[in-house]
Amino acid sequence: MPQLNISPYKHFFLITLLLLIFVGTGCEKKETPKKVSLFKRADTASAEKHPQPNTLWFGFDLRLGPKEEVQIYTPFLRYLEKATGKRFRIRFTKNYEDTIDNLGKGMTHFAAVGTLSYVIGSNKYGTEYLVSGVNKEGDPRYHSIIFTRPDSNIEEMSDLRSRCFAFGSKMSTQGHLIPRQMLDDAGIELDDLEKHIYTGSHMNAVKAVLNGECDAGGIQDVLAGRLASEKQIKIIKISTPYPSSLIAYNSSLDPDTVEAVKTALLAFEPEGKHEQLLFDWDKTEMPLGFTVLNEFEINKVKILAQKYGILTE
C-alpha cells in the first residue's frame, strides 16, 4: 500500500479543521425555549392538591375567552392579595353552572358572576352577595343588547320572527335572561323563532351571528358597545337596566375574611390609583369598581328566573 506523504503544515491544518468541526457541532446544541401559557398556568393553579392555608380560590363566569379572562383577573387578584394579605388563585371553569356549583360547594371562595348565577346559587346553596360592579356611568346596573350583522336587513325587533337567535349561556343574565324578556316584550316567543341556540358565552354568541350560523343574538352592553364602535355589529335594541354582575362568596367563609375582601373591593379604584396594576379592566362589567346594591334590584332578576323556569323553588 502506498504511504501518504502529509507535510507538517497539512497535518496541522487537518487537526485544526477537525477541532473546529467538533466545537461547532457542540455549539449547535441549544436549549429549546419553553412556551409559557397563561391559560395552562391557570389550570395548574386549579389543580394544586395542597394549597397554602391562606389561599382563597376565585372563579368567574366566562364571558370573553379563557386566555383573555385570565389576563384580566390575574392582576386584579394581585391587588386583592396586597390589600387583604391573603393568597388568591384562579379556579377556571368552562361554564356558568360549574362556576356557581364550585362556589356553593366551597371549592371556590369568591366568584365574579352574573346576577342570575348568583340568584341560582343563593337558592341552591345559600351563597351570599358581597358587592356589585359599577359601569362607566357610575351605575351598578347594566343592559343587554340585541344585535345583528352590519349588512343584515334586520332593523327592528319584529324582524326577528322566524329567524335564528343566538343566546349565550342559559344561566347568563345579559346573554339569555334579559334578551328572552326583550323578545317577549316584542311579542316573540321561542316558538316564533326559526330556532335558537345557547352558545356558552357572549363572545361565542357574537361569533355565531357573524359567521352566519344565526341571524341575531343577545350579549352584554360593554362588549356590544366596543364591537359596534368598530362597526363589527349592528345594534337592534337596548334593554332597560338590570342589576350588574357582582362578587358572590361561599357562606361558610369566616366573617373576618369576608369583611377584609369587601373592604378591599369597595376601596378598589380601577380608573384611579389602581389603574396601572390592571389589564383590560374596562372590558369587564365592573369598570369603575364596586358598590353595595339594593336587594330590590336583585329581586327583579329572581322574578324573571322564576318566570322562565330557570329557578325552581
C-alpha atoms as a PDB file:
ATOM      1  CA  MET A   1       0.000   0.000   0.000  1.00  0.00           C
ATOM      2  CA  PRO A   2       1.469   3.389  -0.900  1.00  0.00           C
ATOM      3  CA  GLN A   3       2.175   5.715   2.044  1.00  0.00           C
ATOM      4  CA  LEU A   4       0.524   9.113   2.295  1.00  0.00           C
ATOM      5  CA  ASN A   5       3.042  11.875   2.404  1.00  0.00           C
ATOM      6  CA  ILE A   6       1.484  14.596   4.640  1.00  0.00           C
ATOM      7  CA  SER A   7       3.573  17.654   5.327  1.00  0.00           C
ATOM      8  CA  PRO A   8       3.709  19.077   8.885  1.00  0.00           C
ATOM      9  CA  TYR A   9       1.770  22.125   7.641  1.00  0.00           C
ATOM     10  CA  LYS A  10      -1.021  19.964   6.204  1.00  0.00           C
ATOM     11  CA  HIS A  11      -1.064  17.851   9.353  1.00  0.00           C
ATOM     12  CA  PHE A  12      -1.601  20.947  11.498  1.00  0.00           C
ATOM     13  CA  PHE A  13      -4.345  22.178   9.153  1.00  0.00           C
ATOM     14  CA  LEU A  14      -6.292  18.895   9.349  1.00  0.00           C
ATOM     15  CA  ILE A  15      -6.158  18.783  13.168  1.00  0.00           C
ATOM     16  CA  THR A  16      -7.368  22.391  13.381  1.00  0.00           C
ATOM     17  CA  LEU A  17     -10.221  21.684  10.977  1.00  0.00           C
ATOM     18  CA  LEU A  18     -11.375  18.653  12.978  1.00  0.00           C
ATOM     19  CA  LEU A  19     -11.330  20.684  16.201  1.00  0.00           C
ATOM     20  CA  LEU A  20     -13.424  23.416  14.606  1.00  0.00           C
ATOM     21  CA  ILE A  21     -15.991  20.880  13.389  1.00  0.00           C
ATOM     22  CA  PHE A  22     -16.190  19.293  16.845  1.00  0.00           C
ATOM     23  CA  VAL A  23     -16.606  22.628  18.651  1.00  0.00           C
ATOM     24  CA  GLY A  24     -19.116  23.872  16.097  1.00  0.00           C
ATOM     25  CA  THR A  25     -21.219  20.757  16.461  1.00  0.00           C
ATOM     26  CA  GLY A  26     -21.279  21.169  20.229  1.00  0.00           C
ATOM     27  CA  CYS A  27     -22.295  24.815  19.974  1.00  0.00           C
ATOM     28  CA  GLU A  28     -25.289  23.933  17.816  1.00  0.00           C
ATOM     29  CA  LYS A  29     -26.960  22.194  20.734  1.00  0.00           C
ATOM     30  CA  LYS A  30     -29.059  24.958  22.244  1.00  0.00           C
ATOM     31  CA  GLU A  31     -31.759  24.897  24.900  1.00  0.00           C
ATOM     32  CA  THR A  32     -35.209  24.988  23.317  1.00  0.00           C
ATOM     33  CA  PRO A  33     -37.200  27.985  24.645  1.00  0.00           C
ATOM     34  CA  LYS A  34     -40.150  26.937  26.753  1.00  0.00           C
ATOM     35  CA  LYS A  35     -43.560  28.274  25.798  1.00  0.00           C
ATOM     36  CA  VAL A  36     -45.431  29.618  28.793  1.00  0.00           C
ATOM     37  CA  SER A  37     -49.227  29.605  28.562  1.00  0.00           C
ATOM     38  CA  LEU A  38     -51.138  31.822  30.942  1.00  0.00           C
ATOM     39  CA  PHE A  39     -54.167  29.603  30.378  1.00  0.00           C
ATOM     40  CA  LYS A  40     -52.183  26.492  31.368  1.00  0.00           C
ATOM     41  CA  ARG A  41     -50.853  28.283  34.413  1.00  0.00           C
ATOM     42  CA  ALA A  42     -54.414  28.870  35.495  1.00  0.00           C
ATOM     43  CA  ASP A  43     -55.222  25.173  35.076  1.00  0.00           C
ATOM     44  CA  THR A  44     -52.136  24.254  37.097  1.00  0.00           C
ATOM     45  CA  ALA A  45     -53.186  26.599  39.862  1.00  0.00           C
ATOM     46  CA  SER A  46     -56.610  24.961  39.921  1.00  0.00           C
ATOM     47  CA  ALA A  47     -55.071  21.513  40.219  1.00  0.00           C
ATOM     48  CA  GLU A  48     -52.961  22.206  43.326  1.00  0.00           C
ATOM     49  CA  LYS A  49     -53.661  19.471  45.842  1.00  0.00           C
ATOM     50  CA  HIS A  50     -52.047  21.177  48.808  1.00  0.00           C
ATOM     51  CA  PRO A  51     -52.540  24.942  48.570  1.00  0.00           C
ATOM     52  CA  GLN A  52     -51.158  27.164  51.293  1.00  0.00           C
ATOM     53  CA  PRO A  53     -53.533  27.565  54.259  1.00  0.00           C
ATOM     54  CA  ASN A  54     -54.142  31.228  53.453  1.00  0.00           C
ATOM     55  CA  THR A  55     -55.246  30.538  49.861  1.00  0.00           C
ATOM     56  CA  LEU A  56     -58.598  31.835  48.622  1.00  0.00           C
ATOM     57  CA  TRP A  57     -59.925  30.494  45.314  1.00  0.00           C
ATOM     58  CA  PHE A  58     -61.582  32.901  42.878  1.00  0.00           C
ATOM     59  CA  GLY A  59     -63.865  31.918  39.990  1.00  0.00           C
ATOM     60  CA  PHE A  60     -65.735  33.800  37.280  1.00  0.00           C
ATOM     61  CA  ASP A  61     -68.411  33.362  34.641  1.00  0.00           C
ATOM     62  CA  LEU A  62     -66.772  33.022  31.226  1.00  0.00           C
ATOM     63  CA  ARG A  63     -67.739  35.973  29.029  1.00  0.00           C
ATOM     64  CA  LEU A  64     -64.929  36.663  26.566  1.00  0.00           C
ATOM     65  CA  GLY A  65     -62.417  33.829  26.276  1.00  0.00           C
ATOM     66  CA  PRO A  66     -60.279  31.760  28.711  1.00  0.00           C
ATOM     67  CA  LYS A  67     -56.949  33.436  27.973  1.00  0.00           C
ATOM     68  CA  GLU A  68     -58.383  36.953  27.941  1.00  0.00           C
ATOM     69  CA  GLU A  69     -60.317  36.428  31.182  1.00  0.00           C
ATOM     70  CA  VAL A  70     -57.242  35.078  32.999  1.00  0.00           C
ATOM     71  CA  GLN A  71     -55.194  38.045  31.789  1.00  0.00           C
ATOM     72  CA  ILE A  72     -57.853  40.393  33.168  1.00  0.00           C
ATOM     73  CA  TYR A  73     -58.348  38.746  36.561  1.00  0.00           C
ATOM     74  CA  THR A  74     -54.729  37.872  37.404  1.00  0.00           C
ATOM     75  CA  PRO A  75     -53.590  41.464  38.152  1.00  0.00           C
ATOM     76  CA  PHE A  76     -56.912  42.154  39.892  1.00  0.00           C
ATOM     77  CA  LEU A  77     -56.231  39.275  42.270  1.00  0.00           C
ATOM     78  CA  ARG A  78     -52.749  40.661  42.904  1.00  0.00           C
ATOM     79  CA  TYR A  79     -54.464  43.815  44.117  1.00  0.00           C
ATOM     80  CA  LEU A  80     -56.679  41.780  46.468  1.00  0.00           C
ATOM     81  CA  GLU A  81     -53.622  39.933  47.779  1.00  0.00           C
ATOM     82  CA  LYS A  82     -51.872  43.189  48.605  1.00  0.00           C
ATOM     83  CA  ALA A  83     -54.996  44.721  50.160  1.00  0.00           C
ATOM     84  CA  THR A  84     -56.001  41.725  52.294  1.00  0.00           C
ATOM     85  CA  GLY A  85     -52.784  39.827  52.975  1.00  0.00           C
ATOM     86  CA  LYS A  86     -54.457  36.693  51.626  1.00  0.00           C
ATOM     87  CA  ARG A  87     -53.264  34.468  48.793  1.00  0.00           C
ATOM     88  CA  PHE A  88     -55.649  34.287  45.809  1.00  0.00           C
ATOM     89  CA  ARG A  89     -55.647  31.774  42.984  1.00  0.00           C
ATOM     90  CA  ILE A  90     -57.915  31.387  39.941  1.00  0.00           C
ATOM     91  CA  ARG A  91     -60.139  28.346  39.593  1.00  0.00           C
ATOM     92  CA  PHE A  92     -61.172  28.312  35.950  1.00  0.00           C
ATOM     93  CA  THR A  93     -64.412  26.739  34.748  1.00  0.00           C
ATOM     94  CA  LYS A  94     -65.749  26.485  31.208  1.00  0.00           C
ATOM     95  CA  ASN A  95     -69.407  27.051  32.003  1.00  0.00           C
ATOM     96  CA  TYR A  96     -71.605  29.084  34.334  1.00  0.00           C
ATOM     97  CA  GLU A  97     -73.061  26.002  36.029  1.00  0.00           C
ATOM     98  CA  ASP A  98     -69.647  24.818  37.253  1.00  0.00           C
ATOM     99  CA  THR A  99     -68.744  28.304  38.462  1.00  0.00           C
ATOM    100  CA  ILE A 100     -71.728  28.520  40.783  1.00  0.00           C
ATOM    101  CA  ASP A 101     -71.513  24.835  41.824  1.00  0.00           C
ATOM    102  CA  ASN A 102     -67.850  25.278  42.786  1.00  0.00           C
ATOM    103  CA  LEU A 103     -68.772  28.339  44.833  1.00  0.00           C
ATOM    104  CA  GLY A 104     -71.691  26.628  46.546  1.00  0.00           C
ATOM    105  CA  LYS A 105     -69.667  23.514  47.406  1.00  0.00           C
ATOM    106  CA  GLY A 106     -66.743  25.515  48.805  1.00  0.00           C
ATOM    107  CA  MET A 107     -64.251  24.596  46.071  1.00  0.00           C
ATOM    108  CA  THR A 108     -64.204  28.315  45.275  1.00  0.00           C
ATOM    109  CA  HIS A 109     -64.476  31.030  47.925  1.00  0.00           C
ATOM    110  CA  PHE A 110     -65.343  34.072  45.786  1.00  0.00           C
ATOM    111  CA  ALA A 111     -66.601  34.465  42.221  1.00  0.00           C
ATOM    112  CA  ALA A 112     -67.490  37.216  39.768  1.00  0.00           C
ATOM    113  CA  VAL A 113     -70.887  36.133  38.450  1.00  0.00           C
ATOM    114  CA  GLY A 114     -73.955  37.490  36.743  1.00  0.00           C
ATOM    115  CA  THR A 115     -76.996  38.230  38.874  1.00  0.00           C
ATOM    116  CA  LEU A 116     -78.825  35.166  37.544  1.00  0.00           C
ATOM    117  CA  SER A 117     -75.951  32.877  38.560  1.00  0.00           C
ATOM    118  CA  TYR A 118     -75.988  34.472  41.995  1.00  0.00           C
ATOM    119  CA  VAL A 119     -79.767  34.025  42.372  1.00  0.00           C
ATOM    120  CA  ILE A 120     -79.468  30.355  41.369  1.00  0.00           C
ATOM    121  CA  GLY A 121     -76.539  29.795  43.740  1.00  0.00           C
ATOM    122  CA  SER A 122     -78.317  31.555  46.582  1.00  0.00           C
ATOM    123  CA  ASN A 123     -81.413  29.414  46.041  1.00  0.00           C
ATOM    124  CA  LYS A 124     -79.473  26.149  45.720  1.00  0.00           C
ATOM    125  CA  TYR A 125     -76.547  26.584  48.111  1.00  0.00           C
ATOM    126  CA  GLY A 126     -77.150  29.700  50.175  1.00  0.00           C
ATOM    127  CA  THR A 127     -74.264  31.591  48.557  1.00  0.00           C
ATOM    128  CA  GLU A 128     -74.217  35.238  49.515  1.00  0.00           C
ATOM    129  CA  TYR A 129     -73.747  38.582  47.786  1.00  0.00           C
ATOM    130  CA  LEU A 130     -70.817  40.881  48.559  1.00  0.00           C
ATOM    131  CA  VAL A 131     -70.689  43.842  46.159  1.00  0.00           C
ATOM    132  CA  SER A 132     -71.944  44.782  42.695  1.00  0.00           C
ATOM    133  CA  GLY A 133     -69.998  46.126  39.726  1.00  0.00           C
ATOM    134  CA  VAL A 134     -70.251  49.777  38.684  1.00  0.00           C
ATOM    135  CA  ASN A 135     -70.355  50.697  34.979  1.00  0.00           C
ATOM    136  CA  LYS A 136     -68.716  53.667  33.244  1.00  0.00           C
ATOM    137  CA  GLU A 137     -71.720  55.845  34.035  1.00  0.00           C
ATOM    138  CA  GLY A 138     -71.364  55.107  37.744  1.00  0.00           C
ATOM    139  CA  ASP A 139     -74.460  52.879  37.737  1.00  0.00           C
ATOM    140  CA  PRO A 140     -74.489  49.406  39.366  1.00  0.00           C
ATOM    141  CA  ARG A 141     -76.824  48.250  36.600  1.00  0.00           C
ATOM    142  CA  TYR A 142     -76.263  47.170  33.041  1.00  0.00           C
ATOM    143  CA  HIS A 143     -78.145  46.485  29.814  1.00  0.00           C
ATOM    144  CA  SER A 144     -78.476  43.639  27.366  1.00  0.00           C
ATOM    145  CA  ILE A 145     -78.044  44.289  23.663  1.00  0.00           C
ATOM    146  CA  ILE A 146     -79.764  42.511  20.796  1.00  0.00           C
ATOM    147  CA  PHE A 147     -77.614  42.775  17.694  1.00  0.00           C
ATOM    148  CA  THR A 148     -77.104  41.510  14.173  1.00  0.00           C
ATOM    149  CA  ARG A 149     -74.532  41.736  11.384  1.00  0.00           C
ATOM    150  CA  PRO A 150     -73.886  45.201   9.907  1.00  0.00           C
ATOM    151  CA  ASP A 151     -75.151  44.107   6.467  1.00  0.00           C
ATOM    152  CA  SER A 152     -78.295  42.385   7.804  1.00  0.00           C
ATOM    153  CA  ASN A 153     -81.766  43.503   6.705  1.00  0.00           C
ATOM    154  CA  ILE A 154     -82.958  43.146  10.310  1.00  0.00           C
ATOM    155  CA  GLU A 155     -83.765  46.650  11.541  1.00  0.00           C
ATOM    156  CA  GLU A 156     -86.152  46.170  14.473  1.00  0.00           C
ATOM    157  CA  MET A 157     -87.332  43.516  16.915  1.00  0.00           C
ATOM    158  CA  SER A 158     -90.314  42.435  14.811  1.00  0.00           C
ATOM    159  CA  ASP A 159     -87.883  41.370  12.075  1.00  0.00           C
ATOM    160  CA  LEU A 160     -86.567  38.601  14.349  1.00  0.00           C
ATOM    161  CA  ARG A 161     -89.665  36.449  13.876  1.00  0.00           C
ATOM    162  CA  SER A 162     -88.827  33.182  12.045  1.00  0.00           C
ATOM    163  CA  ARG A 163     -85.088  33.882  12.402  1.00  0.00           C
ATOM    164  CA  CYS A 164     -82.320  32.077  14.258  1.00  0.00           C
ATOM    165  CA  PHE A 165     -81.363  33.674  17.594  1.00  0.00           C
ATOM    166  CA  ALA A 166     -78.098  33.089  19.499  1.00  0.00           C
ATOM    167  CA  PHE A 167     -78.123  33.265  23.304  1.00  0.00           C
ATOM    168  CA  GLY A 168     -75.019  32.979  25.454  1.00  0.00           C
ATOM    169  CA  SER A 169     -75.132  30.613  28.405  1.00  0.00           C
ATOM    170  CA  LYS A 170     -78.570  29.561  29.581  1.00  0.00           C
ATOM    171  CA  MET A 171     -77.531  30.838  33.024  1.00  0.00           C
ATOM    172  CA  SER A 172     -76.419  34.239  31.716  1.00  0.00           C
ATOM    173  CA  THR A 173     -78.347  37.332  32.803  1.00  0.00           C
ATOM    174  CA  GLN A 174     -77.319  39.511  29.859  1.00  0.00           C
ATOM    175  CA  GLY A 175     -76.845  36.692  27.378  1.00  0.00           C
ATOM    176  CA  HIS A 176     -80.120  34.834  27.957  1.00  0.00           C
ATOM    177  CA  LEU A 177     -82.494  36.046  30.667  1.00  0.00           C
ATOM    178  CA  ILE A 178     -82.836  39.699  29.637  1.00  0.00           C
ATOM    179  CA  PRO A 179     -82.827  39.021  25.848  1.00  0.00           C
ATOM    180  CA  ARG A 180     -85.581  36.455  26.473  1.00  0.00           C
ATOM    181  CA  GLN A 181     -87.660  39.178  28.156  1.00  0.00           C
ATOM    182  CA  MET A 182     -86.871  41.588  25.304  1.00  0.00           C
ATOM    183  CA  LEU A 183     -88.190  39.076  22.779  1.00  0.00           C
ATOM    184  CA  ASP A 184     -91.319  38.611  24.899  1.00  0.00           C
ATOM    185  CA  ASP A 185     -91.830  42.370  25.056  1.00  0.00           C
ATOM    186  CA  ALA A 186     -91.738  42.386  21.239  1.00  0.00           C
ATOM    187  CA  GLY A 187     -94.364  39.634  21.118  1.00  0.00           C
ATOM    188  CA  ILE A 188     -91.879  36.966  20.035  1.00  0.00           C
ATOM    189  CA  GLU A 189     -91.794  33.649  21.881  1.00  0.00           C
ATOM    190  CA  LEU A 190     -89.152  30.979  21.323  1.00  0.00           C
ATOM    191  CA  ASP A 191     -91.599  29.027  19.147  1.00  0.00           C
ATOM    192  CA  ASP A 192     -91.866  32.068  16.864  1.00  0.00           C
ATOM    193  CA  LEU A 193     -88.154  31.787  16.025  1.00  0.00           C
ATOM    194  CA  GLU A 194     -86.857  29.508  13.306  1.00  0.00           C
ATOM    195  CA  LYS A 195     -84.543  28.151  16.015  1.00  0.00           C
ATOM    196  CA  HIS A 196     -82.491  29.324  18.979  1.00  0.00           C
ATOM    197  CA  ILE A 197     -79.131  28.143  20.298  1.00  0.00           C
ATOM    198  CA  TYR A 198     -77.134  28.522  23.510  1.00  0.00           C
ATOM    199  CA  THR A 199     -73.505  29.250  22.697  1.00  0.00           C
ATOM    200  CA  GLY A 200     -71.996  29.298  26.201  1.00  0.00           C
ATOM    201  CA  SER A 201     -70.593  32.835  26.248  1.00  0.00           C
ATOM    202  CA  HIS A 202     -71.147  36.351  24.928  1.00  0.00           C
ATOM    203  CA  MET A 203     -68.231  36.100  22.503  1.00  0.00           C
ATOM    204  CA  ASN A 204     -69.472  32.775  21.179  1.00  0.00           C
ATOM    205  CA  ALA A 205     -72.875  34.369  20.535  1.00  0.00           C
ATOM    206  CA  VAL A 206     -71.127  37.107  18.541  1.00  0.00           C
ATOM    207  CA  LYS A 207     -69.234  34.515  16.513  1.00  0.00           C
ATOM    208  CA  ALA A 208     -72.420  32.547  15.803  1.00  0.00           C
ATOM    209  CA  VAL A 209     -74.038  35.654  14.308  1.00  0.00           C
ATOM    210  CA  LEU A 210     -71.021  36.947  12.422  1.00  0.00           C
ATOM    211  CA  ASN A 211     -70.312  33.566  10.816  1.00  0.00           C
ATOM    212  CA  GLY A 212     -73.922  33.263   9.636  1.00  0.00           C
ATOM    213  CA  GLU A 213     -74.974  30.448  11.943  1.00  0.00           C
ATOM    214  CA  CYS A 214     -77.672  32.712  13.410  1.00  0.00           C
ATOM    215  CA  ASP A 215     -79.291  35.986  12.361  1.00  0.00           C
ATOM    216  CA  ALA A 216     -79.172  37.865  15.670  1.00  0.00           C
ATOM    217  CA  GLY A 217     -78.155  37.417  19.298  1.00  0.00           C
ATOM    218  CA  GLY A 218     -78.117  38.845  22.785  1.00  0.00           C
ATOM    219  CA  ILE A 219     -74.943  39.980  24.572  1.00  0.00           C
ATOM    220  CA  GLN A 220     -73.641  42.293  27.300  1.00  0.00           C
ATOM    221  CA  ASP A 221     -73.517  46.045  26.739  1.00  0.00           C
ATOM    222  CA  VAL A 222     -69.758  46.543  27.244  1.00  0.00           C
ATOM    223  CA  LEU A 223     -68.823  44.066  24.522  1.00  0.00           C
ATOM    224  CA  ALA A 224     -71.610  45.288  22.233  1.00  0.00           C
ATOM    225  CA  GLY A 225     -70.509  48.903  22.569  1.00  0.00           C
ATOM    226  CA  ARG A 226     -66.935  48.047  21.628  1.00  0.00           C
ATOM    227  CA  LEU A 227     -67.938  45.924  18.625  1.00  0.00           C
ATOM    228  CA  ALA A 228     -70.476  48.491  17.415  1.00  0.00           C
ATOM    229  CA  SER A 229     -67.843  51.252  17.553  1.00  0.00           C
ATOM    230  CA  GLU A 230     -65.620  49.036  15.394  1.00  0.00           C
ATOM    231  CA  LYS A 231     -68.592  48.512  13.016  1.00  0.00           C
ATOM    232  CA  GLN A 232     -68.462  44.747  13.543  1.00  0.00           C
ATOM    233  CA  ILE A 233     -72.106  44.530  14.669  1.00  0.00           C
ATOM    234  CA  LYS A 234     -75.357  46.489  14.336  1.00  0.00           C
ATOM    235  CA  ILE A 235     -77.382  47.136  17.497  1.00  0.00           C
ATOM    236  CA  ILE A 236     -81.127  46.488  17.193  1.00  0.00           C
ATOM    237  CA  LYS A 237     -82.339  47.041  20.756  1.00  0.00           C
ATOM    238  CA  ILE A 238     -81.019  48.082  24.175  1.00  0.00           C
ATOM    239  CA  SER A 239     -82.788  46.704  27.253  1.00  0.00           C
ATOM    240  CA  THR A 240     -83.983  48.529  30.328  1.00  0.00           C
ATOM    241  CA  PRO A 241     -81.403  48.427  33.186  1.00  0.00           C
ATOM    242  CA  TYR A 242     -80.921  45.362  35.368  1.00  0.00           C
ATOM    243  CA  PRO A 243     -78.504  44.770  38.277  1.00  0.00           C
ATOM    244  CA  SER A 244     -74.919  44.343  37.170  1.00  0.00           C
ATOM    245  CA  SER A 245     -72.554  41.434  37.722  1.00  0.00           C
ATOM    246  CA  LEU A 246     -71.426  41.009  41.291  1.00  0.00           C
ATOM    247  CA  ILE A 247     -68.969  39.298  43.576  1.00  0.00           C
ATOM    248  CA  ALA A 248     -70.536  36.392  45.475  1.00  0.00           C
ATOM    249  CA  TYR A 249     -68.991  34.264  48.211  1.00  0.00           C
ATOM    250  CA  ASN A 250     -69.399  30.928  49.922  1.00  0.00           C
ATOM    251  CA  SER A 251     -71.495  31.343  53.071  1.00  0.00           C
ATOM    252  CA  SER A 252     -69.147  29.167  55.177  1.00  0.00           C
ATOM    253  CA  LEU A 253     -66.319  31.721  54.956  1.00  0.00           C
ATOM    254  CA  ASP A 254     -65.317  33.310  58.237  1.00  0.00           C
ATOM    255  CA  PRO A 255     -66.693  36.858  58.721  1.00  0.00           C
ATOM    256  CA  ASP A 256     -63.252  38.455  59.099  1.00  0.00           C
ATOM    257  CA  THR A 257     -62.157  37.223  55.668  1.00  0.00           C
ATOM    258  CA  VAL A 258     -65.421  38.329  54.077  1.00  0.00           C
ATOM    259  CA  GLU A 259     -65.139  41.791  55.618  1.00  0.00           C
ATOM    260  CA  ALA A 260     -61.489  42.156  54.563  1.00  0.00           C
ATOM    261  CA  VAL A 261     -62.289  41.306  50.946  1.00  0.00           C
ATOM    262  CA  LYS A 262     -65.377  43.538  50.920  1.00  0.00           C
ATOM    263  CA  THR A 263     -63.350  46.472  52.247  1.00  0.00           C
ATOM    264  CA  ALA A 264     -60.705  45.909  49.569  1.00  0.00           C
ATOM    265  CA  LEU A 265     -63.322  45.733  46.812  1.00  0.00           C
ATOM    266  CA  LEU A 266     -65.044  48.940  47.913  1.00  0.00           C
ATOM    267  CA  ALA A 267     -61.643  50.684  48.042  1.00  0.00           C
ATOM    268  CA  PHE A 268     -60.740  49.470  44.533  1.00  0.00           C
ATOM    269  CA  GLU A 269     -60.146  52.384  42.100  1.00  0.00           C
ATOM    270  CA  PRO A 270     -59.643  50.925  38.601  1.00  0.00           C
ATOM    271  CA  GLU A 271     -59.604  54.345  36.943  1.00  0.00           C
ATOM    272  CA  GLY A 272     -57.661  55.935  39.785  1.00  0.00           C
ATOM    273  CA  LYS A 273     -54.711  54.843  41.880  1.00  0.00           C
ATOM    274  CA  HIS A 274     -55.001  51.154  40.887  1.00  0.00           C
ATOM    275  CA  GLU A 275     -55.255  51.693  37.131  1.00  0.00           C
ATOM    276  CA  GLN A 276     -51.613  50.868  36.407  1.00  0.00           C
ATOM    277  CA  LEU A 277     -51.936  47.484  38.120  1.00  0.00           C
ATOM    278  CA  LEU A 278     -54.689  46.265  35.792  1.00  0.00           C
ATOM    279  CA  PHE A 279     -55.037  44.766  32.322  1.00  0.00           C
ATOM    280  CA  ASP A 280     -58.119  45.458  30.148  1.00  0.00           C
ATOM    281  CA  TRP A 281     -60.297  46.007  33.201  1.00  0.00           C
ATOM    282  CA  ASP A 282     -62.512  48.299  31.106  1.00  0.00           C
ATOM    283  CA  LYS A 283     -63.732  45.181  29.263  1.00  0.00           C
ATOM    284  CA  THR A 284     -65.392  43.884  32.416  1.00  0.00           C
ATOM    285  CA  GLU A 285     -68.825  44.793  33.760  1.00  0.00           C
ATOM    286  CA  MET A 286     -67.101  46.489  36.714  1.00  0.00           C
ATOM    287  CA  PRO A 287     -65.021  49.223  35.024  1.00  0.00           C
ATOM    288  CA  LEU A 288     -65.479  51.738  37.869  1.00  0.00           C
ATOM    289  CA  GLY A 289     -65.142  49.257  40.699  1.00  0.00           C
ATOM    290  CA  PHE A 290     -67.801  48.115  43.168  1.00  0.00           C
ATOM    291  CA  THR A 291     -70.675  49.263  45.353  1.00  0.00           C
ATOM    292  CA  VAL A 292     -73.397  47.734  47.535  1.00  0.00           C
ATOM    293  CA  LEU A 293     -76.577  47.076  45.563  1.00  0.00           C
ATOM    294  CA  ASN A 294     -80.157  47.351  46.735  1.00  0.00           C
ATOM    295  CA  GLU A 295     -81.689  43.869  47.136  1.00  0.00           C
ATOM    296  CA  PHE A 296     -84.788  45.123  45.296  1.00  0.00           C
ATOM    297  CA  GLU A 297     -82.733  45.231  42.072  1.00  0.00           C
ATOM    298  CA  ILE A 298     -81.585  41.649  42.506  1.00  0.00           C
ATOM    299  CA  ASN A 299     -85.178  40.571  43.056  1.00  0.00           C
ATOM    300  CA  LYS A 300     -86.050  41.774  39.521  1.00  0.00           C
ATOM    301  CA  VAL A 301     -83.760  39.069  38.143  1.00  0.00           C
ATOM    302  CA  LYS A 302     -85.201  36.469  40.518  1.00  0.00           C
ATOM    303  CA  ILE A 303     -88.693  37.187  39.192  1.00  0.00           C
ATOM    304  CA  LEU A 304     -87.551  36.655  35.587  1.00  0.00           C
ATOM    305  CA  ALA A 305     -85.737  33.443  36.532  1.00  0.00           C
ATOM    306  CA  GLN A 306     -88.943  32.086  38.048  1.00  0.00           C
ATOM    307  CA  LYS A 307     -90.971  33.219  35.025  1.00  0.00           C
ATOM    308  CA  TYR A 308     -88.819  31.223  32.597  1.00  0.00           C
ATOM    309  CA  GLY A 309     -88.439  28.167  34.817  1.00  0.00           C
ATOM    310  CA  ILE A 310     -84.714  28.668  35.389  1.00  0.00           C
ATOM    311  CA  LEU A 311     -85.171  28.960  39.137  1.00  0.00           C
ATOM    312  CA  THR A 312     -87.202  26.235  40.802  1.00  0.00           C
ATOM    313  CA  GLU A 313     -88.459  26.784  44.317  1.00  0.00           C
END
